Every structure is written in structure tokens, then in C-alpha cells.
PDB file of all heavy atoms in Angstrom:
ATOM      1  N   TYR A   1     -29.760  19.895  75.957  1.00  0.00           N
ATOM      2  CA  TYR A   1     -28.479  19.711  76.628  1.00  0.00           C
ATOM      3  C   TYR A   1     -27.872  18.333  76.351  1.00  0.00           C
ATOM      4  O   TYR A   1     -26.761  18.045  76.797  1.00  0.00           O
ATOM      5  CB  TYR A   1     -28.635  19.920  78.142  1.00  0.00           C
ATOM      6  CG  TYR A   1     -29.075  21.329  78.501  1.00  0.00           C
ATOM      7  CD1 TYR A   1     -30.375  21.587  78.955  1.00  0.00           C
ATOM      8  CD2 TYR A   1     -28.205  22.403  78.349  1.00  0.00           C
ATOM      9  CE1 TYR A   1     -30.781  22.880  79.260  1.00  0.00           C
ATOM     10  CE2 TYR A   1     -28.603  23.699  78.654  1.00  0.00           C
ATOM     11  CZ  TYR A   1     -29.898  23.937  79.105  1.00  0.00           C
ATOM     12  OH  TYR A   1     -30.289  25.220  79.391  1.00  0.00           O
ATOM     13  N   ASN A   2     -28.619  17.504  75.625  1.00  0.00           N
ATOM     14  CA  ASN A   2     -28.147  16.136  75.343  1.00  0.00           C
ATOM     15  C   ASN A   2     -27.960  15.846  73.860  1.00  0.00           C
ATOM     16  O   ASN A   2     -27.340  14.837  73.509  1.00  0.00           O
ATOM     17  CB  ASN A   2     -29.141  15.105  75.910  1.00  0.00           C
ATOM     18  CG  ASN A   2     -29.359  15.251  77.397  1.00  0.00           C
ATOM     19  OD1 ASN A   2     -28.415  15.475  78.142  1.00  0.00           O
ATOM     20  ND2 ASN A   2     -30.608  15.133  77.831  1.00  0.00           N
ATOM     21  N   TYR A   3     -28.500  16.682  72.973  1.00  0.00           N
ATOM     22  CA  TYR A   3     -28.572  16.294  71.570  1.00  0.00           C
ATOM     23  C   TYR A   3     -27.208  16.132  70.904  1.00  0.00           C
ATOM     24  O   TYR A   3     -27.032  15.278  70.027  1.00  0.00           O
ATOM     25  CB  TYR A   3     -29.449  17.287  70.784  1.00  0.00           C
ATOM     26  CG  TYR A   3     -28.778  18.551  70.323  1.00  0.00           C
ATOM     27  CD1 TYR A   3     -28.199  18.643  69.055  1.00  0.00           C
ATOM     28  CD2 TYR A   3     -28.733  19.678  71.131  1.00  0.00           C
ATOM     29  CE1 TYR A   3     -27.592  19.823  68.617  1.00  0.00           C
ATOM     30  CE2 TYR A   3     -28.136  20.853  70.710  1.00  0.00           C
ATOM     31  CZ  TYR A   3     -27.567  20.924  69.462  1.00  0.00           C
ATOM     32  OH  TYR A   3     -26.970  22.076  69.025  1.00  0.00           O
ATOM     33  N   GLN A   4     -26.227  16.933  71.347  1.00  0.00           N
ATOM     34  CA  GLN A   4     -24.904  16.814  70.728  1.00  0.00           C
ATOM     35  C   GLN A   4     -24.249  15.476  71.075  1.00  0.00           C
ATOM     36  O   GLN A   4     -23.667  14.809  70.208  1.00  0.00           O
ATOM     37  CB  GLN A   4     -24.021  17.979  71.162  1.00  0.00           C
ATOM     38  CG  GLN A   4     -24.484  19.318  70.597  1.00  0.00           C
ATOM     39  CD  GLN A   4     -23.613  20.477  71.044  1.00  0.00           C
ATOM     40  OE1 GLN A   4     -22.976  20.426  72.094  1.00  0.00           O
ATOM     41  NE2 GLN A   4     -23.577  21.543  70.252  1.00  0.00           N
ATOM     42  N   GLY A   5     -24.387  15.079  72.337  1.00  0.00           N
ATOM     43  CA  GLY A   5     -23.843  13.782  72.751  1.00  0.00           C
ATOM     44  C   GLY A   5     -24.567  12.630  72.067  1.00  0.00           C
ATOM     45  O   GLY A   5     -23.938  11.653  71.630  1.00  0.00           O
ATOM     46  N   ASP A   6     -25.908  12.740  71.965  1.00  0.00           N
ATOM     47  CA  ASP A   6     -26.691  11.697  71.293  1.00  0.00           C
ATOM     48  C   ASP A   6     -26.280  11.575  69.821  1.00  0.00           C
ATOM     49  O   ASP A   6     -26.194  10.468  69.282  1.00  0.00           O
ATOM     50  CB  ASP A   6     -28.186  12.015  71.379  1.00  0.00           C
ATOM     51  CG  ASP A   6     -28.727  11.903  72.796  1.00  0.00           C
ATOM     52  OD1 ASP A   6     -28.056  11.262  73.632  1.00  0.00           O
ATOM     53  OD2 ASP A   6     -29.808  12.460  73.068  1.00  0.00           O
ATOM     54  N   THR A   7     -26.053  12.733  69.197  1.00  0.00           N
ATOM     55  CA  THR A   7     -25.657  12.730  67.783  1.00  0.00           C
ATOM     56  C   THR A   7     -24.339  11.994  67.574  1.00  0.00           C
ATOM     57  O   THR A   7     -24.206  11.169  66.666  1.00  0.00           O
ATOM     58  CB  THR A   7     -25.533  14.177  67.261  1.00  0.00           C
ATOM     59  OG1 THR A   7     -26.802  14.822  67.371  1.00  0.00           O
ATOM     60  CG2 THR A   7     -25.086  14.195  65.809  1.00  0.00           C
ATOM     61  N   GLU A   8     -23.376  12.283  68.428  1.00  0.00           N
ATOM     62  CA  GLU A   8     -22.074  11.639  68.297  1.00  0.00           C
ATOM     63  C   GLU A   8     -22.178  10.131  68.519  1.00  0.00           C
ATOM     64  O   GLU A   8     -21.526   9.341  67.825  1.00  0.00           O
ATOM     65  CB  GLU A   8     -21.082  12.262  69.285  1.00  0.00           C
ATOM     66  CG  GLU A   8     -20.733  13.710  68.935  1.00  0.00           C
ATOM     67  CD  GLU A   8     -19.608  14.264  69.800  1.00  0.00           C
ATOM     68  OE1 GLU A   8     -18.956  13.460  70.508  1.00  0.00           O
ATOM     69  OE2 GLU A   8     -19.378  15.486  69.763  1.00  0.00           O
ATOM     70  N   LYS A   9     -23.029   9.709  69.469  1.00  0.00           N
ATOM     71  CA  LYS A   9     -23.200   8.272  69.722  1.00  0.00           C
ATOM     72  C   LYS A   9     -23.770   7.568  68.495  1.00  0.00           C
ATOM     73  O   LYS A   9     -23.313   6.495  68.108  1.00  0.00           O
ATOM     74  CB  LYS A   9     -24.144   8.067  70.922  1.00  0.00           C
ATOM     75  CG  LYS A   9     -23.518   8.368  72.267  1.00  0.00           C
ATOM     76  CD  LYS A   9     -24.541   8.166  73.375  1.00  0.00           C
ATOM     77  CE  LYS A   9     -23.968   8.572  74.727  1.00  0.00           C
ATOM     78  NZ  LYS A   9     -24.981   8.451  75.807  1.00  0.00           N
ATOM     79  N   VAL A  10     -24.801   8.160  67.893  1.00  0.00           N
ATOM     80  CA  VAL A  10     -25.438   7.535  66.731  1.00  0.00           C
ATOM     81  C   VAL A  10     -24.476   7.486  65.542  1.00  0.00           C
ATOM     82  O   VAL A  10     -24.373   6.464  64.848  1.00  0.00           O
ATOM     83  CB  VAL A  10     -26.736   8.287  66.345  1.00  0.00           C
ATOM     84  CG1 VAL A  10     -27.278   7.786  65.016  1.00  0.00           C
ATOM     85  CG2 VAL A  10     -27.790   8.120  67.438  1.00  0.00           C
ATOM     86  N   LEU A  11     -23.771   8.591  65.297  1.00  0.00           N
ATOM     87  CA  LEU A  11     -22.826   8.624  64.180  1.00  0.00           C
ATOM     88  C   LEU A  11     -21.713   7.588  64.355  1.00  0.00           C
ATOM     89  O   LEU A  11     -21.333   6.900  63.404  1.00  0.00           O
ATOM     90  CB  LEU A  11     -22.214  10.027  64.032  1.00  0.00           C
ATOM     91  CG  LEU A  11     -23.147  11.096  63.446  1.00  0.00           C
ATOM     92  CD1 LEU A  11     -22.482  12.462  63.515  1.00  0.00           C
ATOM     93  CD2 LEU A  11     -23.526  10.774  62.000  1.00  0.00           C
ATOM     94  N   LYS A  12     -21.212   7.469  65.572  1.00  0.00           N
ATOM     95  CA  LYS A  12     -20.176   6.462  65.822  1.00  0.00           C
ATOM     96  C   LYS A  12     -20.749   5.055  65.668  1.00  0.00           C
ATOM     97  O   LYS A  12     -20.071   4.147  65.171  1.00  0.00           O
ATOM     98  CB  LYS A  12     -19.584   6.654  67.218  1.00  0.00           C
ATOM     99  CG  LYS A  12     -18.643   7.852  67.313  1.00  0.00           C
ATOM    100  CD  LYS A  12     -18.035   7.986  68.702  1.00  0.00           C
ATOM    101  CE  LYS A  12     -17.042   9.146  68.762  1.00  0.00           C
ATOM    102  NZ  LYS A  12     -16.458   9.324  70.106  1.00  0.00           N
ATOM    103  N   GLY A  13     -22.006   4.887  66.084  1.00  0.00           N
ATOM    104  CA  GLY A  13     -22.651   3.591  65.909  1.00  0.00           C
ATOM    105  C   GLY A  13     -22.806   3.211  64.449  1.00  0.00           C
ATOM    106  O   GLY A  13     -22.831   2.026  64.096  1.00  0.00           O
ATOM    107  N   LEU A  14     -22.876   4.232  63.590  1.00  0.00           N
ATOM    108  CA  LEU A  14     -23.015   3.997  62.147  1.00  0.00           C
ATOM    109  C   LEU A  14     -21.666   3.910  61.437  1.00  0.00           C
ATOM    110  O   LEU A  14     -21.622   3.814  60.220  1.00  0.00           O
ATOM    111  CB  LEU A  14     -23.845   5.118  61.521  1.00  0.00           C
ATOM    112  CG  LEU A  14     -25.345   5.052  61.790  1.00  0.00           C
ATOM    113  CD1 LEU A  14     -26.030   6.344  61.379  1.00  0.00           C
ATOM    114  CD2 LEU A  14     -25.984   3.886  61.072  1.00  0.00           C
ATOM    115  N   GLY A  15     -20.592   3.953  62.204  1.00  0.00           N
ATOM    116  CA  GLY A  15     -19.287   3.735  61.601  1.00  0.00           C
ATOM    117  C   GLY A  15     -18.445   4.977  61.392  1.00  0.00           C
ATOM    118  O   GLY A  15     -17.313   4.890  60.908  1.00  0.00           O
ATOM    119  N   PHE A  16     -18.947   6.160  61.737  1.00  0.00           N
ATOM    120  CA  PHE A  16     -18.161   7.375  61.590  1.00  0.00           C
ATOM    121  C   PHE A  16     -17.171   7.499  62.756  1.00  0.00           C
ATOM    122  O   PHE A  16     -17.467   7.093  63.878  1.00  0.00           O
ATOM    123  CB  PHE A  16     -19.063   8.613  61.568  1.00  0.00           C
ATOM    124  CG  PHE A  16     -19.894   8.745  60.331  1.00  0.00           C
ATOM    125  CD1 PHE A  16     -21.190   8.245  60.291  1.00  0.00           C
ATOM    126  CD2 PHE A  16     -19.390   9.359  59.193  1.00  0.00           C
ATOM    127  CE1 PHE A  16     -21.967   8.362  59.150  1.00  0.00           C
ATOM    128  CE2 PHE A  16     -20.161   9.488  58.044  1.00  0.00           C
ATOM    129  CZ  PHE A  16     -21.452   8.982  58.024  1.00  0.00           C
ATOM    130  N   THR A  17     -16.025   8.074  62.473  1.00  0.00           N
ATOM    131  CA  THR A  17     -15.034   8.338  63.520  1.00  0.00           C
ATOM    132  C   THR A  17     -15.120   9.802  63.946  1.00  0.00           C
ATOM    133  O   THR A  17     -15.735  10.632  63.258  1.00  0.00           O
ATOM    134  CB  THR A  17     -13.608   8.044  63.013  1.00  0.00           C
ATOM    135  OG1 THR A  17     -13.295   8.955  61.943  1.00  0.00           O
ATOM    136  CG2 THR A  17     -13.495   6.612  62.503  1.00  0.00           C
ATOM    137  N   THR A  18     -14.480  10.118  65.066  1.00  0.00           N
ATOM    138  CA  THR A  18     -14.472  11.504  65.550  1.00  0.00           C
ATOM    139  C   THR A  18     -13.854  12.432  64.504  1.00  0.00           C
ATOM    140  O   THR A  18     -14.293  13.578  64.333  1.00  0.00           O
ATOM    141  CB  THR A  18     -13.684  11.604  66.870  1.00  0.00           C
ATOM    142  OG1 THR A  18     -14.251  10.686  67.813  1.00  0.00           O
ATOM    143  CG2 THR A  18     -13.747  13.012  67.437  1.00  0.00           C
ATOM    144  N   GLU A  19     -12.846  11.922  63.774  1.00  0.00           N
ATOM    145  CA  GLU A  19     -12.193  12.724  62.735  1.00  0.00           C
ATOM    146  C   GLU A  19     -13.145  13.040  61.586  1.00  0.00           C
ATOM    147  O   GLU A  19     -13.004  14.053  60.894  1.00  0.00           O
ATOM    148  CB  GLU A  19     -10.961  11.998  62.190  1.00  0.00           C
ATOM    149  CG  GLU A  19      -9.804  11.855  63.174  1.00  0.00           C
ATOM    150  CD  GLU A  19     -10.056  10.818  64.254  1.00  0.00           C
ATOM    151  OE1 GLU A  19     -10.869   9.894  64.004  1.00  0.00           O
ATOM    152  OE2 GLU A  19      -9.471  10.931  65.342  1.00  0.00           O
ATOM    153  N   ASP A  20     -14.131  12.175  61.362  1.00  0.00           N
ATOM    154  CA  ASP A  20     -15.082  12.383  60.265  1.00  0.00           C
ATOM    155  C   ASP A  20     -16.063  13.522  60.545  1.00  0.00           C
ATOM    156  O   ASP A  20     -16.636  14.098  59.617  1.00  0.00           O
ATOM    157  CB  ASP A  20     -15.890  11.107  59.994  1.00  0.00           C
ATOM    158  CG  ASP A  20     -15.045   9.986  59.419  1.00  0.00           C
ATOM    159  OD1 ASP A  20     -14.057  10.290  58.733  1.00  0.00           O
ATOM    160  OD2 ASP A  20     -15.380   8.810  59.664  1.00  0.00           O
ATOM    161  N   PHE A  21     -16.299  13.820  61.823  1.00  0.00           N
ATOM    162  CA  PHE A  21     -17.365  14.748  62.193  1.00  0.00           C
ATOM    163  C   PHE A  21     -17.217  16.123  61.553  1.00  0.00           C
ATOM    164  O   PHE A  21     -18.213  16.758  61.201  1.00  0.00           O
ATOM    165  CB  PHE A  21     -17.436  14.915  63.724  1.00  0.00           C
ATOM    166  CG  PHE A  21     -17.885  13.681  64.464  1.00  0.00           C
ATOM    167  CD1 PHE A  21     -17.752  13.590  65.840  1.00  0.00           C
ATOM    168  CD2 PHE A  21     -18.448  12.609  63.785  1.00  0.00           C
ATOM    169  CE1 PHE A  21     -18.170  12.465  66.532  1.00  0.00           C
ATOM    170  CE2 PHE A  21     -18.857  11.466  64.466  1.00  0.00           C
ATOM    171  CZ  PHE A  21     -18.713  11.400  65.837  1.00  0.00           C
ATOM    172  N   GLU A  22     -15.990  16.588  61.402  1.00  0.00           N
ATOM    173  CA  GLU A  22     -15.770  17.940  60.885  1.00  0.00           C
ATOM    174  C   GLU A  22     -15.488  17.956  59.378  1.00  0.00           C
ATOM    175  O   GLU A  22     -15.189  19.005  58.809  1.00  0.00           O
ATOM    176  CB  GLU A  22     -14.612  18.600  61.630  1.00  0.00           C
ATOM    177  CG  GLU A  22     -14.858  18.783  63.127  1.00  0.00           C
ATOM    178  CD  GLU A  22     -16.146  19.553  63.425  1.00  0.00           C
ATOM    179  OE1 GLU A  22     -16.467  20.490  62.660  1.00  0.00           O
ATOM    180  OE2 GLU A  22     -16.830  19.206  64.402  1.00  0.00           O
ATOM    181  N   LYS A  23     -15.593  16.796  58.721  1.00  0.00           N
ATOM    182  CA  LYS A  23     -15.384  16.751  57.275  1.00  0.00           C
ATOM    183  C   LYS A  23     -16.660  17.183  56.549  1.00  0.00           C
ATOM    184  O   LYS A  23     -17.773  16.986  57.049  1.00  0.00           O
ATOM    185  CB  LYS A  23     -15.007  15.328  56.828  1.00  0.00           C
ATOM    186  CG  LYS A  23     -13.631  14.894  57.303  1.00  0.00           C
ATOM    187  CD  LYS A  23     -13.321  13.479  56.805  1.00  0.00           C
ATOM    188  CE  LYS A  23     -11.947  13.010  57.289  1.00  0.00           C
ATOM    189  NZ  LYS A  23     -11.657  11.620  56.852  1.00  0.00           N
ATOM    190  N   GLN A  24     -16.509  17.754  55.358  1.00  0.00           N
ATOM    191  CA  GLN A  24     -17.653  18.184  54.563  1.00  0.00           C
ATOM    192  C   GLN A  24     -18.418  16.965  54.029  1.00  0.00           C
ATOM    193  O   GLN A  24     -17.817  15.957  53.652  1.00  0.00           O
ATOM    194  CB  GLN A  24     -17.185  19.026  53.375  1.00  0.00           C
ATOM    195  CG  GLN A  24     -16.474  20.314  53.772  1.00  0.00           C
ATOM    196  CD  GLN A  24     -17.433  21.342  54.361  1.00  0.00           C
ATOM    197  OE1 GLN A  24     -18.450  21.664  53.760  1.00  0.00           O
ATOM    198  NE2 GLN A  24     -17.101  21.871  55.533  1.00  0.00           N
ATOM    199  N   THR A  25     -19.731  17.072  53.992  1.00  0.00           N
ATOM    200  CA  THR A  25     -20.544  15.928  53.556  1.00  0.00           C
ATOM    201  C   THR A  25     -20.271  15.542  52.114  1.00  0.00           C
ATOM    202  O   THR A  25     -20.379  14.369  51.747  1.00  0.00           O
ATOM    203  CB  THR A  25     -22.045  16.241  53.706  1.00  0.00           C
ATOM    204  OG1 THR A  25     -22.365  17.433  52.966  1.00  0.00           O
ATOM    205  CG2 THR A  25     -22.428  16.444  55.157  1.00  0.00           C
ATOM    206  N   ASP A  26     -19.902  16.528  51.274  1.00  0.00           N
ATOM    207  CA  ASP A  26     -19.692  16.210  49.858  1.00  0.00           C
ATOM    208  C   ASP A  26     -18.382  15.464  49.603  1.00  0.00           C
ATOM    209  O   ASP A  26     -18.086  15.093  48.467  1.00  0.00           O
ATOM    210  CB  ASP A  26     -19.769  17.471  48.984  1.00  0.00           C
ATOM    211  CG  ASP A  26     -18.814  18.567  49.432  1.00  0.00           C
ATOM    212  OD1 ASP A  26     -17.927  18.268  50.256  1.00  0.00           O
ATOM    213  OD2 ASP A  26     -18.964  19.709  48.968  1.00  0.00           O
ATOM    214  N   THR A  27     -17.596  15.228  50.669  1.00  0.00           N
ATOM    215  CA  THR A  27     -16.375  14.429  50.507  1.00  0.00           C
ATOM    216  C   THR A  27     -16.650  12.946  50.734  1.00  0.00           C
ATOM    217  O   THR A  27     -15.754  12.125  50.572  1.00  0.00           O
ATOM    218  CB  THR A  27     -15.285  14.891  51.495  1.00  0.00           C
ATOM    219  OG1 THR A  27     -15.736  14.663  52.846  1.00  0.00           O
ATOM    220  CG2 THR A  27     -14.956  16.355  51.305  1.00  0.00           C
ATOM    221  N   PHE A  28     -17.885  12.607  51.100  1.00  0.00           N
ATOM    222  CA  PHE A  28     -18.244  11.216  51.371  1.00  0.00           C
ATOM    223  C   PHE A  28     -19.000  10.610  50.192  1.00  0.00           C
ATOM    224  O   PHE A  28     -19.680  11.309  49.444  1.00  0.00           O
ATOM    225  CB  PHE A  28     -19.116  11.117  52.636  1.00  0.00           C
ATOM    226  CG  PHE A  28     -18.365  11.387  53.912  1.00  0.00           C
ATOM    227  CD1 PHE A  28     -18.239  12.674  54.396  1.00  0.00           C
ATOM    228  CD2 PHE A  28     -17.789  10.345  54.618  1.00  0.00           C
ATOM    229  CE1 PHE A  28     -17.554  12.930  55.568  1.00  0.00           C
ATOM    230  CE2 PHE A  28     -17.091  10.592  55.800  1.00  0.00           C
ATOM    231  CZ  PHE A  28     -16.978  11.886  56.268  1.00  0.00           C
ATOM    232  N   SER A  29     -18.891   9.289  50.061  1.00  0.00           N
ATOM    233  CA  SER A  29     -19.600   8.575  49.000  1.00  0.00           C
ATOM    234  C   SER A  29     -21.092   8.493  49.332  1.00  0.00           C
ATOM    235  O   SER A  29     -21.518   8.811  50.444  1.00  0.00           O
ATOM    236  CB  SER A  29     -19.032   7.158  48.844  1.00  0.00           C
ATOM    237  OG  SER A  29     -19.264   6.404  50.031  1.00  0.00           O
ATOM    238  N   GLY A  30     -21.861   8.034  48.352  1.00  0.00           N
ATOM    239  CA  GLY A  30     -23.315   7.979  48.525  1.00  0.00           C
ATOM    240  C   GLY A  30     -23.754   7.135  49.708  1.00  0.00           C
ATOM    241  O   GLY A  30     -24.696   7.491  50.421  1.00  0.00           O
ATOM    242  N   GLY A  31     -23.072   6.003  49.939  1.00  0.00           N
ATOM    243  CA  GLY A  31     -23.447   5.137  51.052  1.00  0.00           C
ATOM    244  C   GLY A  31     -23.252   5.796  52.398  1.00  0.00           C
ATOM    245  O   GLY A  31     -24.081   5.669  53.306  1.00  0.00           O
ATOM    246  N   TRP A  32     -22.140   6.533  52.552  1.00  0.00           N
ATOM    247  CA  TRP A  32     -21.894   7.215  53.821  1.00  0.00           C
ATOM    248  C   TRP A  32     -22.848   8.384  54.017  1.00  0.00           C
ATOM    249  O   TRP A  32     -23.273   8.679  55.139  1.00  0.00           O
ATOM    250  CB  TRP A  32     -20.438   7.700  53.874  1.00  0.00           C
ATOM    251  CG  TRP A  32     -19.481   6.567  54.084  1.00  0.00           C
ATOM    252  CD1 TRP A  32     -18.759   5.912  53.145  1.00  0.00           C
ATOM    253  CD2 TRP A  32     -19.186   5.926  55.328  1.00  0.00           C
ATOM    254  NE1 TRP A  32     -18.024   4.911  53.726  1.00  0.00           N
ATOM    255  CE2 TRP A  32     -18.266   4.902  55.065  1.00  0.00           C
ATOM    256  CE3 TRP A  32     -19.614   6.135  56.644  1.00  0.00           C
ATOM    257  CZ2 TRP A  32     -17.762   4.067  56.072  1.00  0.00           C
ATOM    258  CZ3 TRP A  32     -19.110   5.311  57.643  1.00  0.00           C
ATOM    259  CH2 TRP A  32     -18.194   4.291  57.354  1.00  0.00           C
ATOM    260  N   ARG A  33     -23.214   9.047  52.939  1.00  0.00           N
ATOM    261  CA  ARG A  33     -24.176  10.154  53.057  1.00  0.00           C
ATOM    262  C   ARG A  33     -25.557   9.607  53.413  1.00  0.00           C
ATOM    263  O   ARG A  33     -26.332  10.266  54.125  1.00  0.00           O
ATOM    264  CB  ARG A  33     -24.218  10.945  51.747  1.00  0.00           C
ATOM    265  CG  ARG A  33     -22.908  11.670  51.473  1.00  0.00           C
ATOM    266  CD  ARG A  33     -22.879  12.341  50.121  1.00  0.00           C
ATOM    267  NE  ARG A  33     -23.715  13.520  50.094  1.00  0.00           N
ATOM    268  CZ  ARG A  33     -23.868  14.289  49.027  1.00  0.00           C
ATOM    269  NH1 ARG A  33     -23.225  13.986  47.912  1.00  0.00           N
ATOM    270  NH2 ARG A  33     -24.642  15.354  49.064  1.00  0.00           N
ATOM    271  N   MET A  34     -25.852   8.396  52.922  1.00  0.00           N
ATOM    272  CA  MET A  34     -27.108   7.761  53.313  1.00  0.00           C
ATOM    273  C   MET A  34     -27.120   7.491  54.816  1.00  0.00           C
ATOM    274  O   MET A  34     -28.153   7.610  55.478  1.00  0.00           O
ATOM    275  CB  MET A  34     -27.276   6.445  52.538  1.00  0.00           C
ATOM    276  CG  MET A  34     -28.573   5.713  52.818  1.00  0.00           C
ATOM    277  SD  MET A  34     -30.019   6.557  52.142  1.00  0.00           S
ATOM    278  CE  MET A  34     -29.887   6.081  50.415  1.00  0.00           C
ATOM    279  N   ARG A  35     -25.969   7.141  55.375  1.00  0.00           N
ATOM    280  CA  ARG A  35     -25.895   6.901  56.821  1.00  0.00           C
ATOM    281  C   ARG A  35     -26.163   8.182  57.610  1.00  0.00           C
ATOM    282  O   ARG A  35     -26.767   8.144  58.689  1.00  0.00           O
ATOM    283  CB  ARG A  35     -24.503   6.362  57.193  1.00  0.00           C
ATOM    284  CG  ARG A  35     -24.198   5.012  56.589  1.00  0.00           C
ATOM    285  CD  ARG A  35     -22.873   4.476  57.093  1.00  0.00           C
ATOM    286  NE  ARG A  35     -22.301   3.545  56.136  1.00  0.00           N
ATOM    287  CZ  ARG A  35     -21.401   2.637  56.438  1.00  0.00           C
ATOM    288  NH1 ARG A  35     -20.983   2.529  57.670  1.00  0.00           N
ATOM    289  NH2 ARG A  35     -20.913   1.836  55.514  1.00  0.00           N
ATOM    290  N   ILE A  36     -25.688   9.313  57.090  1.00  0.00           N
ATOM    291  CA  ILE A  36     -25.965  10.596  57.754  1.00  0.00           C
ATOM    292  C   ILE A  36     -27.469  10.840  57.781  1.00  0.00           C
ATOM    293  O   ILE A  36     -28.036  11.255  58.800  1.00  0.00           O
ATOM    294  CB  ILE A  36     -25.246  11.757  57.031  1.00  0.00           C
ATOM    295  CG1 ILE A  36     -23.730  11.560  57.061  1.00  0.00           C
ATOM    296  CG2 ILE A  36     -25.618  13.087  57.681  1.00  0.00           C
ATOM    297  CD1 ILE A  36     -22.956  12.564  56.210  1.00  0.00           C
ATOM    298  N   GLU A  37     -28.114  10.571  56.648  1.00  0.00           N
ATOM    299  CA  GLU A  37     -29.569  10.762  56.575  1.00  0.00           C
ATOM    300  C   GLU A  37     -30.286   9.818  57.529  1.00  0.00           C
ATOM    301  O   GLU A  37     -31.274  10.194  58.176  1.00  0.00           O
ATOM    302  CB  GLU A  37     -30.044  10.532  55.129  1.00  0.00           C
ATOM    303  CG  GLU A  37     -31.451  11.017  54.851  1.00  0.00           C
ATOM    304  CD  GLU A  37     -31.587  12.531  54.899  1.00  0.00           C
ATOM    305  OE1 GLU A  37     -30.556  13.234  54.890  1.00  0.00           O
ATOM    306  OE2 GLU A  37     -32.731  13.015  54.978  1.00  0.00           O
ATOM    307  N   LEU A  38     -29.797   8.576  57.634  1.00  0.00           N
ATOM    308  CA  LEU A  38     -30.369   7.623  58.575  1.00  0.00           C
ATOM    309  C   LEU A  38     -30.196   8.116  60.009  1.00  0.00           C
ATOM    310  O   LEU A  38     -31.114   8.019  60.831  1.00  0.00           O
ATOM    311  CB  LEU A  38     -29.692   6.258  58.414  1.00  0.00           C
ATOM    312  CG  LEU A  38     -30.208   5.360  57.301  1.00  0.00           C
ATOM    313  CD1 LEU A  38     -29.297   4.159  57.120  1.00  0.00           C
ATOM    314  CD2 LEU A  38     -31.625   4.907  57.582  1.00  0.00           C
ATOM    315  N   ALA A  39     -29.024   8.641  60.302  1.00  0.00           N
ATOM    316  CA  ALA A  39     -28.767   9.174  61.649  1.00  0.00           C
ATOM    317  C   ALA A  39     -29.776  10.269  61.987  1.00  0.00           C
ATOM    318  O   ALA A  39     -30.306  10.327  63.104  1.00  0.00           O
ATOM    319  CB  ALA A  39     -27.343   9.718  61.738  1.00  0.00           C
ATOM    320  N   LYS A  40     -30.052  11.140  61.018  1.00  0.00           N
ATOM    321  CA  LYS A  40     -31.017  12.221  61.242  1.00  0.00           C
ATOM    322  C   LYS A  40     -32.399  11.656  61.556  1.00  0.00           C
ATOM    323  O   LYS A  40     -33.094  12.127  62.462  1.00  0.00           O
ATOM    324  CB  LYS A  40     -31.077  13.127  60.003  1.00  0.00           C
ATOM    325  CG  LYS A  40     -29.855  14.014  59.833  1.00  0.00           C
ATOM    326  CD  LYS A  40     -29.683  14.519  58.419  1.00  0.00           C
ATOM    327  CE  LYS A  40     -30.794  15.440  57.968  1.00  0.00           C
ATOM    328  NZ  LYS A  40     -30.541  15.971  56.618  1.00  0.00           N
ATOM    329  N   LEU A  41     -32.793  10.629  60.808  1.00  0.00           N
ATOM    330  CA  LEU A  41     -34.113  10.028  61.044  1.00  0.00           C
ATOM    331  C   LEU A  41     -34.187   9.385  62.427  1.00  0.00           C
ATOM    332  O   LEU A  41     -35.198   9.493  63.120  1.00  0.00           O
ATOM    333  CB  LEU A  41     -34.417   8.982  59.969  1.00  0.00           C
ATOM    334  CG  LEU A  41     -34.727   9.506  58.571  1.00  0.00           C
ATOM    335  CD1 LEU A  41     -34.985   8.346  57.616  1.00  0.00           C
ATOM    336  CD2 LEU A  41     -35.938  10.430  58.575  1.00  0.00           C
ATOM    337  N   LEU A  42     -33.119   8.708  62.834  1.00  0.00           N
ATOM    338  CA  LEU A  42     -33.109   8.052  64.146  1.00  0.00           C
ATOM    339  C   LEU A  42     -33.202   9.069  65.272  1.00  0.00           C
ATOM    340  O   LEU A  42     -33.918   8.873  66.243  1.00  0.00           O
ATOM    341  CB  LEU A  42     -31.824   7.242  64.323  1.00  0.00           C
ATOM    342  CG  LEU A  42     -31.511   6.155  63.312  1.00  0.00           C
ATOM    343  CD1 LEU A  42     -30.298   5.363  63.766  1.00  0.00           C
ATOM    344  CD2 LEU A  42     -32.686   5.242  63.117  1.00  0.00           C
ATOM    345  N   LEU A  43     -32.476  10.151  65.140  1.00  0.00           N
ATOM    346  CA  LEU A  43     -32.431  11.162  66.198  1.00  0.00           C
ATOM    347  C   LEU A  43     -33.729  11.944  66.314  1.00  0.00           C
ATOM    348  O   LEU A  43     -34.009  12.544  67.349  1.00  0.00           O
ATOM    349  CB  LEU A  43     -31.257  12.118  65.936  1.00  0.00           C
ATOM    350  CG  LEU A  43     -29.872  11.477  66.119  1.00  0.00           C
ATOM    351  CD1 LEU A  43     -28.796  12.308  65.445  1.00  0.00           C
ATOM    352  CD2 LEU A  43     -29.560  11.307  67.605  1.00  0.00           C
ATOM    353  N   GLN A  44     -34.536  11.923  65.250  1.00  0.00           N
ATOM    354  CA  GLN A  44     -35.817  12.639  65.280  1.00  0.00           C
ATOM    355  C   GLN A  44     -36.896  11.882  66.042  1.00  0.00           C
ATOM    356  O   GLN A  44     -37.923  12.449  66.401  1.00  0.00           O
ATOM    357  CB  GLN A  44     -36.307  12.882  63.855  1.00  0.00           C
ATOM    358  CG  GLN A  44     -35.531  13.949  63.109  1.00  0.00           C
ATOM    359  CD  GLN A  44     -35.908  14.007  61.647  1.00  0.00           C
ATOM    360  OE1 GLN A  44     -36.594  13.131  61.126  1.00  0.00           O
ATOM    361  NE2 GLN A  44     -35.444  15.035  60.958  1.00  0.00           N
TER     362      GLN A  44
END
């Protein structure tokens, strides 16, 4: 019941905006995709 809110907090902490959340991952550069992977590791 908390994971969606936690995910948004971490992504915003890494510099993503709310508008970025629904964008496809392949539209981002390598550095931003690395941040997504980092977010996944943190949330685990």
C-alpha cells in the first residue's frame, strides 16, 4: 500500500519530474536510465 508513493519519492529525489513518470524509458539518455536502475536498487 506504500510502494507507489515510495517509488515517486525516490524518482523525484533522483531528479525526475512527475511528467517524466509516464515517458518511455528508451526516450532517456544512458545517465537517466542509470538513475532508474539505481532507484530500483534503493527500493529493494
